[in-house]
Amino acid sequence: MVSTMATTPDSSLGDVKFLTVAEVAAVMRVSKMTVYRLVHNGDLPAVRVGRSFRVPEQAVHDYLRDSYVETA
């Protein structure tokens, strides 16, 4: 799985904070399996490091913002 992230001249990968699947699950208050499902479905970008995944922190915030649903 290859993930691409748009970068601007002012940003670099050194500035990106990566979270583990467990950290993402804690932030989102979901199970680790839910995070793995989001990554495998392509809904949440991730970088594979060895046998584990790292998710850019901003991607988690973007996902949550874009998934926000207002109720009546």
PDB file of N, CA and C in Angstrom:
ATOM      1  N   MET A   1       0.850  -1.168   0.000  1.00  0.00           N
ATOM      2  CA  MET A   1       0.000   0.000   0.000  1.00  0.00           C
ATOM      3  C   MET A   1       0.896   1.232   0.000  1.00  0.00           C
ATOM      4  N   VAL A   2       0.672   2.095  -0.964  1.00  0.00           N
ATOM      5  CA  VAL A   2       1.458   3.317  -1.044  1.00  0.00           C
ATOM      6  C   VAL A   2       0.527   4.488  -0.842  1.00  0.00           C
ATOM      7  N   SER A   3       0.912   5.383   0.041  1.00  0.00           N
ATOM      8  CA  SER A   3       0.101   6.557   0.321  1.00  0.00           C
ATOM      9  C   SER A   3       0.867   7.788  -0.123  1.00  0.00           C
ATOM     10  N   THR A   4       0.173   8.701  -0.780  1.00  0.00           N
ATOM     11  CA  THR A   4       0.815   9.947  -1.161  1.00  0.00           C
ATOM     12  C   THR A   4       0.183  11.079  -0.391  1.00  0.00           C
ATOM     13  N   MET A   5       1.022  12.005   0.009  1.00  0.00           N
ATOM     14  CA  MET A   5       0.522  13.172   0.737  1.00  0.00           C
ATOM     15  C   MET A   5       1.003  14.413   0.015  1.00  0.00           C
ATOM     16  N   ALA A   6       0.099  15.342  -0.206  1.00  0.00           N
ATOM     17  CA  ALA A   6       0.481  16.593  -0.846  1.00  0.00           C
ATOM     18  C   ALA A   6       1.313  17.413   0.138  1.00  0.00           C
ATOM     19  N   THR A   7       2.420  17.924  -0.351  1.00  0.00           N
ATOM     20  CA  THR A   7       3.244  18.780   0.494  1.00  0.00           C
ATOM     21  C   THR A   7       3.409  20.126  -0.181  1.00  0.00           C
ATOM     22  N   THR A   8       3.532  21.133   0.617  1.00  0.00           N
ATOM     23  CA  THR A   8       3.778  22.469   0.107  1.00  0.00           C
ATOM     24  C   THR A   8       5.243  22.776   0.324  1.00  0.00           C
ATOM     25  N   PRO A   9       5.772  23.797  -0.337  1.00  0.00           N
ATOM     26  CA  PRO A   9       7.179  24.132  -0.146  1.00  0.00           C
ATOM     27  C   PRO A   9       7.525  24.439   1.316  1.00  0.00           C
ATOM     28  N   ASP A  10       6.531  24.877   2.106  1.00  0.00           N
ATOM     29  CA  ASP A  10       6.783  25.233   3.499  1.00  0.00           C
ATOM     30  C   ASP A  10       6.748  24.035   4.434  1.00  0.00           C
ATOM     31  N   SER A  11       6.250  22.888   3.954  1.00  0.00           N
ATOM     32  CA  SER A  11       6.147  21.724   4.833  1.00  0.00           C
ATOM     33  C   SER A  11       7.027  20.602   4.317  1.00  0.00           C
ATOM     34  N   SER A  12       7.430  19.727   5.235  1.00  0.00           N
ATOM     35  CA  SER A  12       8.213  18.569   4.855  1.00  0.00           C
ATOM     36  C   SER A  12       7.772  17.398   5.710  1.00  0.00           C
ATOM     37  N   LEU A  13       8.176  16.201   5.326  1.00  0.00           N
ATOM     38  CA  LEU A  13       7.794  15.031   6.105  1.00  0.00           C
ATOM     39  C   LEU A  13       8.393  15.070   7.500  1.00  0.00           C
ATOM     40  N   GLY A  14       9.472  15.813   7.694  1.00  0.00           N
ATOM     41  CA  GLY A  14      10.057  15.952   9.020  1.00  0.00           C
ATOM     42  C   GLY A  14       9.151  16.685   9.983  1.00  0.00           C
ATOM     43  N   ASP A  15       8.212  17.462   9.443  1.00  0.00           N
ATOM     44  CA  ASP A  15       7.278  18.221  10.271  1.00  0.00           C
ATOM     45  C   ASP A  15       6.009  17.435  10.589  1.00  0.00           C
ATOM     46  N   VAL A  16       5.823  16.294   9.935  1.00  0.00           N
ATOM     47  CA  VAL A  16       4.611  15.511  10.104  1.00  0.00           C
ATOM     48  C   VAL A  16       4.735  14.642  11.351  1.00  0.00           C
ATOM     49  N   LYS A  17       3.683  14.662  12.186  1.00  0.00           N
ATOM     50  CA  LYS A  17       3.656  13.799  13.370  1.00  0.00           C
ATOM     51  C   LYS A  17       2.835  12.567  13.017  1.00  0.00           C
ATOM     52  N   PHE A  18       3.432  11.400  13.181  1.00  0.00           N
ATOM     53  CA  PHE A  18       2.762  10.146  12.880  1.00  0.00           C
ATOM     54  C   PHE A  18       2.262   9.489  14.164  1.00  0.00           C
ATOM     55  N   LEU A  19       1.082   8.893  14.087  1.00  0.00           N
ATOM     56  CA  LEU A  19       0.479   8.203  15.219  1.00  0.00           C
ATOM     57  C   LEU A  19       0.392   6.710  14.937  1.00  0.00           C
ATOM     58  N   THR A  20       0.498   5.903  15.981  1.00  0.00           N
ATOM     59  CA  THR A  20       0.293   4.467  15.846  1.00  0.00           C
ATOM     60  C   THR A  20      -1.195   4.191  15.718  1.00  0.00           C
ATOM     61  N   VAL A  21      -1.525   2.981  15.311  1.00  0.00           N
ATOM     62  CA  VAL A  21      -2.928   2.589  15.206  1.00  0.00           C
ATOM     63  C   VAL A  21      -3.606   2.699  16.568  1.00  0.00           C
ATOM     64  N   ALA A  22      -2.908   2.309  17.628  1.00  0.00           N
ATOM     65  CA  ALA A  22      -3.480   2.398  18.980  1.00  0.00           C
ATOM     66  C   ALA A  22      -3.748   3.851  19.366  1.00  0.00           C
ATOM     67  N   GLU A  23      -2.837   4.755  19.008  1.00  0.00           N
ATOM     68  CA  GLU A  23      -3.031   6.172  19.321  1.00  0.00           C
ATOM     69  C   GLU A  23      -4.206   6.745  18.539  1.00  0.00           C
ATOM     70  N   VAL A  24      -4.328   6.357  17.270  1.00  0.00           N
ATOM     71  CA  VAL A  24      -5.461   6.819  16.461  1.00  0.00           C
ATOM     72  C   VAL A  24      -6.766   6.311  17.061  1.00  0.00           C
ATOM     73  N   ALA A  25      -6.782   5.051  17.464  1.00  0.00           N
ATOM     74  CA  ALA A  25      -7.983   4.468  18.065  1.00  0.00           C
ATOM     75  C   ALA A  25      -8.369   5.230  19.336  1.00  0.00           C
ATOM     76  N   ALA A  26      -7.386   5.614  20.130  1.00  0.00           N
ATOM     77  CA  ALA A  26      -7.672   6.353  21.363  1.00  0.00           C
ATOM     78  C   ALA A  26      -8.231   7.739  21.053  1.00  0.00           C
ATOM     79  N   VAL A  27      -7.652   8.420  20.069  1.00  0.00           N
ATOM     80  CA  VAL A  27      -8.128   9.748  19.696  1.00  0.00           C
ATOM     81  C   VAL A  27      -9.559   9.682  19.175  1.00  0.00           C
ATOM     82  N   MET A  28      -9.833   8.681  18.343  1.00  0.00           N
ATOM     83  CA  MET A  28     -11.151   8.551  17.727  1.00  0.00           C
ATOM     84  C   MET A  28     -12.155   7.822  18.621  1.00  0.00           C
ATOM     85  N   ARG A  29     -11.656   7.234  19.706  1.00  0.00           N
ATOM     86  CA  ARG A  29     -12.489   6.435  20.618  1.00  0.00           C
ATOM     87  C   ARG A  29     -13.186   5.298  19.891  1.00  0.00           C
ATOM     88  N   VAL A  30     -12.400   4.567  19.107  1.00  0.00           N
ATOM     89  CA  VAL A  30     -12.875   3.374  18.404  1.00  0.00           C
ATOM     90  C   VAL A  30     -11.868   2.261  18.656  1.00  0.00           C
ATOM     91  N   SER A  31     -12.166   1.069  18.177  1.00  0.00           N
ATOM     92  CA  SER A  31     -11.240  -0.049  18.349  1.00  0.00           C
ATOM     93  C   SER A  31     -10.105   0.038  17.322  1.00  0.00           C
ATOM     94  N   LYS A  32      -9.023  -0.669  17.620  1.00  0.00           N
ATOM     95  CA  LYS A  32      -7.907  -0.723  16.674  1.00  0.00           C
ATOM     96  C   LYS A  32      -8.355  -1.372  15.369  1.00  0.00           C
ATOM     97  N   MET A  33      -9.261  -2.344  15.444  1.00  0.00           N
ATOM     98  CA  MET A  33      -9.753  -3.002  14.239  1.00  0.00           C
ATOM     99  C   MET A  33     -10.465  -2.005  13.326  1.00  0.00           C
ATOM    100  N   THR A  34     -11.187  -1.065  13.903  1.00  0.00           N
ATOM    101  CA  THR A  34     -11.856  -0.031  13.112  1.00  0.00           C
ATOM    102  C   THR A  34     -10.828   0.822  12.376  1.00  0.00           C
ATOM    103  N   VAL A  35      -9.736   1.164  13.051  1.00  0.00           N
ATOM    104  CA  VAL A  35      -8.676   1.954  12.415  1.00  0.00           C
ATOM    105  C   VAL A  35      -8.044   1.153  11.280  1.00  0.00           C
ATOM    106  N   TYR A  36      -7.733  -0.125  11.518  1.00  0.00           N
ATOM    107  CA  TYR A  36      -7.176  -0.965  10.455  1.00  0.00           C
ATOM    108  C   TYR A  36      -8.117  -1.023   9.260  1.00  0.00           C
ATOM    109  N   ARG A  37      -9.428  -1.120   9.521  1.00  0.00           N
ATOM    110  CA  ARG A  37     -10.414  -1.163   8.448  1.00  0.00           C
ATOM    111  C   ARG A  37     -10.383   0.134   7.638  1.00  0.00           C
ATOM    112  N   LEU A  38     -10.315   1.282   8.323  1.00  0.00           N
ATOM    113  CA  LEU A  38     -10.250   2.574   7.639  1.00  0.00           C
ATOM    114  C   LEU A  38      -9.003   2.684   6.772  1.00  0.00           C
ATOM    115  N   VAL A  39      -7.883   2.184   7.295  1.00  0.00           N
ATOM    116  CA  VAL A  39      -6.623   2.222   6.541  1.00  0.00           C
ATOM    117  C   VAL A  39      -6.711   1.314   5.317  1.00  0.00           C
ATOM    118  N   HIS A  40      -7.166   0.083   5.508  1.00  0.00           N
ATOM    119  CA  HIS A  40      -7.233  -0.871   4.396  1.00  0.00           C
ATOM    120  C   HIS A  40      -8.247  -0.462   3.336  1.00  0.00           C
ATOM    121  N   ASN A  41      -9.308   0.223   3.739  1.00  0.00           N
ATOM    122  CA  ASN A  41     -10.311   0.694   2.772  1.00  0.00           C
ATOM    123  C   ASN A  41      -9.864   1.959   2.047  1.00  0.00           C
ATOM    124  N   GLY A  42      -8.773   2.569   2.509  1.00  0.00           N
ATOM    125  CA  GLY A  42      -8.292   3.789   1.874  1.00  0.00           C
ATOM    126  C   GLY A  42      -8.951   5.048   2.404  1.00  0.00           C
ATOM    127  N   ASP A  43      -9.755   4.920   3.447  1.00  0.00           N
ATOM    128  CA  ASP A  43     -10.419   6.085   4.026  1.00  0.00           C
ATOM    129  C   ASP A  43      -9.483   6.923   4.882  1.00  0.00           C
ATOM    130  N   LEU A  44      -8.430   6.294   5.388  1.00  0.00           N
ATOM    131  CA  LEU A  44      -7.464   6.965   6.248  1.00  0.00           C
ATOM    132  C   LEU A  44      -6.073   6.658   5.717  1.00  0.00           C
ATOM    133  N   PRO A  45      -5.335   7.675   5.244  1.00  0.00           N
ATOM    134  CA  PRO A  45      -4.007   7.413   4.690  1.00  0.00           C
ATOM    135  C   PRO A  45      -3.049   6.944   5.779  1.00  0.00           C
ATOM    136  N   ALA A  46      -2.127   6.070   5.403  1.00  0.00           N
ATOM    137  CA  ALA A  46      -1.162   5.551   6.359  1.00  0.00           C
ATOM    138  C   ALA A  46       0.123   5.169   5.639  1.00  0.00           C
ATOM    139  N   VAL A  47       1.181   5.098   6.419  1.00  0.00           N
ATOM    140  CA  VAL A  47       2.480   4.672   5.922  1.00  0.00           C
ATOM    141  C   VAL A  47       2.803   3.348   6.595  1.00  0.00           C
ATOM    142  N   ARG A  48       3.240   2.393   5.826  1.00  0.00           N
ATOM    143  CA  ARG A  48       3.606   1.101   6.406  1.00  0.00           C
ATOM    144  C   ARG A  48       5.058   1.157   6.854  1.00  0.00           C
ATOM    145  N   VAL A  49       5.284   0.797   8.107  1.00  0.00           N
ATOM    146  CA  VAL A  49       6.624   0.749   8.677  1.00  0.00           C
ATOM    147  C   VAL A  49       6.808  -0.671   9.195  1.00  0.00           C
ATOM    148  N   GLY A  50       7.574  -1.465   8.470  1.00  0.00           N
ATOM    149  CA  GLY A  50       7.702  -2.867   8.845  1.00  0.00           C
ATOM    150  C   GLY A  50       6.352  -3.538   8.717  1.00  0.00           C
ATOM    151  N   ARG A  51       5.883  -4.112   9.817  1.00  0.00           N
ATOM    152  CA  ARG A  51       4.589  -4.791   9.813  1.00  0.00           C
ATOM    153  C   ARG A  51       3.479  -3.925  10.397  1.00  0.00           C
ATOM    154  N   SER A  52       3.790  -2.689  10.753  1.00  0.00           N
ATOM    155  CA  SER A  52       2.787  -1.816  11.369  1.00  0.00           C
ATOM    156  C   SER A  52       2.514  -0.595  10.501  1.00  0.00           C
ATOM    157  N   PHE A  53       1.498   0.141  10.878  1.00  0.00           N
ATOM    158  CA  PHE A  53       1.111   1.350  10.148  1.00  0.00           C
ATOM    159  C   PHE A  53       1.313   2.571  11.020  1.00  0.00           C
ATOM    160  N   ARG A  54       1.611   3.689  10.379  1.00  0.00           N
ATOM    161  CA  ARG A  54       1.666   4.989  11.039  1.00  0.00           C
ATOM    162  C   ARG A  54       0.751   5.918  10.243  1.00  0.00           C
ATOM    163  N   VAL A  55      -0.064   6.661  10.980  1.00  0.00           N
ATOM    164  CA  VAL A  55      -1.053   7.548  10.359  1.00  0.00           C
ATOM    165  C   VAL A  55      -0.673   8.985  10.670  1.00  0.00           C
ATOM    166  N   PRO A  56      -0.604   9.845   9.650  1.00  0.00           N
ATOM    167  CA  PRO A  56      -0.322  11.260   9.918  1.00  0.00           C
ATOM    168  C   PRO A  56      -1.410  11.861  10.804  1.00  0.00           C
ATOM    169  N   GLU A  57      -1.002  12.579  11.839  1.00  0.00           N
ATOM    170  CA  GLU A  57      -1.957  13.160  12.786  1.00  0.00           C
ATOM    171  C   GLU A  57      -2.971  14.049  12.066  1.00  0.00           C
ATOM    172  N   GLN A  58      -2.510  14.836  11.109  1.00  0.00           N
ATOM    173  CA  GLN A  58      -3.416  15.731  10.385  1.00  0.00           C
ATOM    174  C   GLN A  58      -4.475  14.952   9.621  1.00  0.00           C
ATOM    175  N   ALA A  59      -4.130  13.762   9.132  1.00  0.00           N
ATOM    176  CA  ALA A  59      -5.092  12.933   8.410  1.00  0.00           C
ATOM    177  C   ALA A  59      -6.232  12.497   9.323  1.00  0.00           C
ATOM    178  N   VAL A  60      -5.921  12.237  10.589  1.00  0.00           N
ATOM    179  CA  VAL A  60      -6.955  11.864  11.556  1.00  0.00           C
ATOM    180  C   VAL A  60      -7.897  13.042  11.774  1.00  0.00           C
ATOM    181  N   HIS A  61      -7.324  14.233  11.970  1.00  0.00           N
ATOM    182  CA  HIS A  61      -8.147  15.429  12.170  1.00  0.00           C
ATOM    183  C   HIS A  61      -9.003  15.711  10.934  1.00  0.00           C
ATOM    184  N   ASP A  62      -8.411  15.563   9.746  1.00  0.00           N
ATOM    185  CA  ASP A  62      -9.156  15.788   8.502  1.00  0.00           C
ATOM    186  C   ASP A  62     -10.305  14.791   8.367  1.00  0.00           C
ATOM    187  N   TYR A  63     -10.029  13.524   8.673  1.00  0.00           N
ATOM    188  CA  TYR A  63     -11.061  12.493   8.576  1.00  0.00           C
ATOM    189  C   TYR A  63     -12.226  12.806   9.511  1.00  0.00           C
ATOM    190  N   LEU A  64     -11.911  13.161  10.739  1.00  0.00           N
ATOM    191  CA  LEU A  64     -12.961  13.468  11.708  1.00  0.00           C
ATOM    192  C   LEU A  64     -13.760  14.705  11.293  1.00  0.00           C
ATOM    193  N   ARG A  65     -13.065  15.732  10.796  1.00  0.00           N
ATOM    194  CA  ARG A  65     -13.750  16.942  10.346  1.00  0.00           C
ATOM    195  C   ARG A  65     -14.669  16.633   9.167  1.00  0.00           C
ATOM    196  N   ASP A  66     -14.173  15.862   8.199  1.00  0.00           N
ATOM    197  CA  ASP A  66     -14.956  15.553   7.007  1.00  0.00           C
ATOM    198  C   ASP A  66     -16.109  14.580   7.283  1.00  0.00           C
ATOM    199  N   SER A  67     -16.011  13.833   8.384  1.00  0.00           N
ATOM    200  CA  SER A  67     -17.039  12.844   8.721  1.00  0.00           C
ATOM    201  C   SER A  67     -18.094  13.405   9.668  1.00  0.00           C
ATOM    202  N   TYR A  68     -17.927  14.631  10.074  1.00  0.00           N
ATOM    203  CA  TYR A  68     -18.843  15.246  11.034  1.00  0.00           C
ATOM    204  C   TYR A  68     -20.248  15.299  10.435  1.00  0.00           C
ATOM    205  N   VAL A  69     -21.216  14.864  11.218  1.00  0.00           N
ATOM    206  CA  VAL A  69     -22.607  14.850  10.775  1.00  0.00           C
ATOM    207  C   VAL A  69     -23.443  15.611  11.792  1.00  0.00           C
ATOM    208  N   GLU A  70     -24.206  16.575  11.304  1.00  0.00           N
ATOM    209  CA  GLU A  70     -25.108  17.311  12.185  1.00  0.00           C
ATOM    210  C   GLU A  70     -26.419  16.554  12.272  1.00  0.00           C
ATOM    211  N   THR A  71     -26.969  16.486  13.477  1.00  0.00           N
ATOM    212  CA  THR A  71     -28.253  15.836  13.650  1.00  0.00           C
ATOM    213  C   THR A  71     -29.315  16.877  13.958  1.00  0.00           C
ATOM    214  N   ALA A  72     -30.537  16.511  13.684  1.00  0.00           N
ATOM    215  CA  ALA A  72     -31.644  17.449  13.876  1.00  0.00           C
ATOM    216  C   ALA A  72     -31.961  17.680  15.332  1.00  0.00           C
TER     217      ALA A  72
END
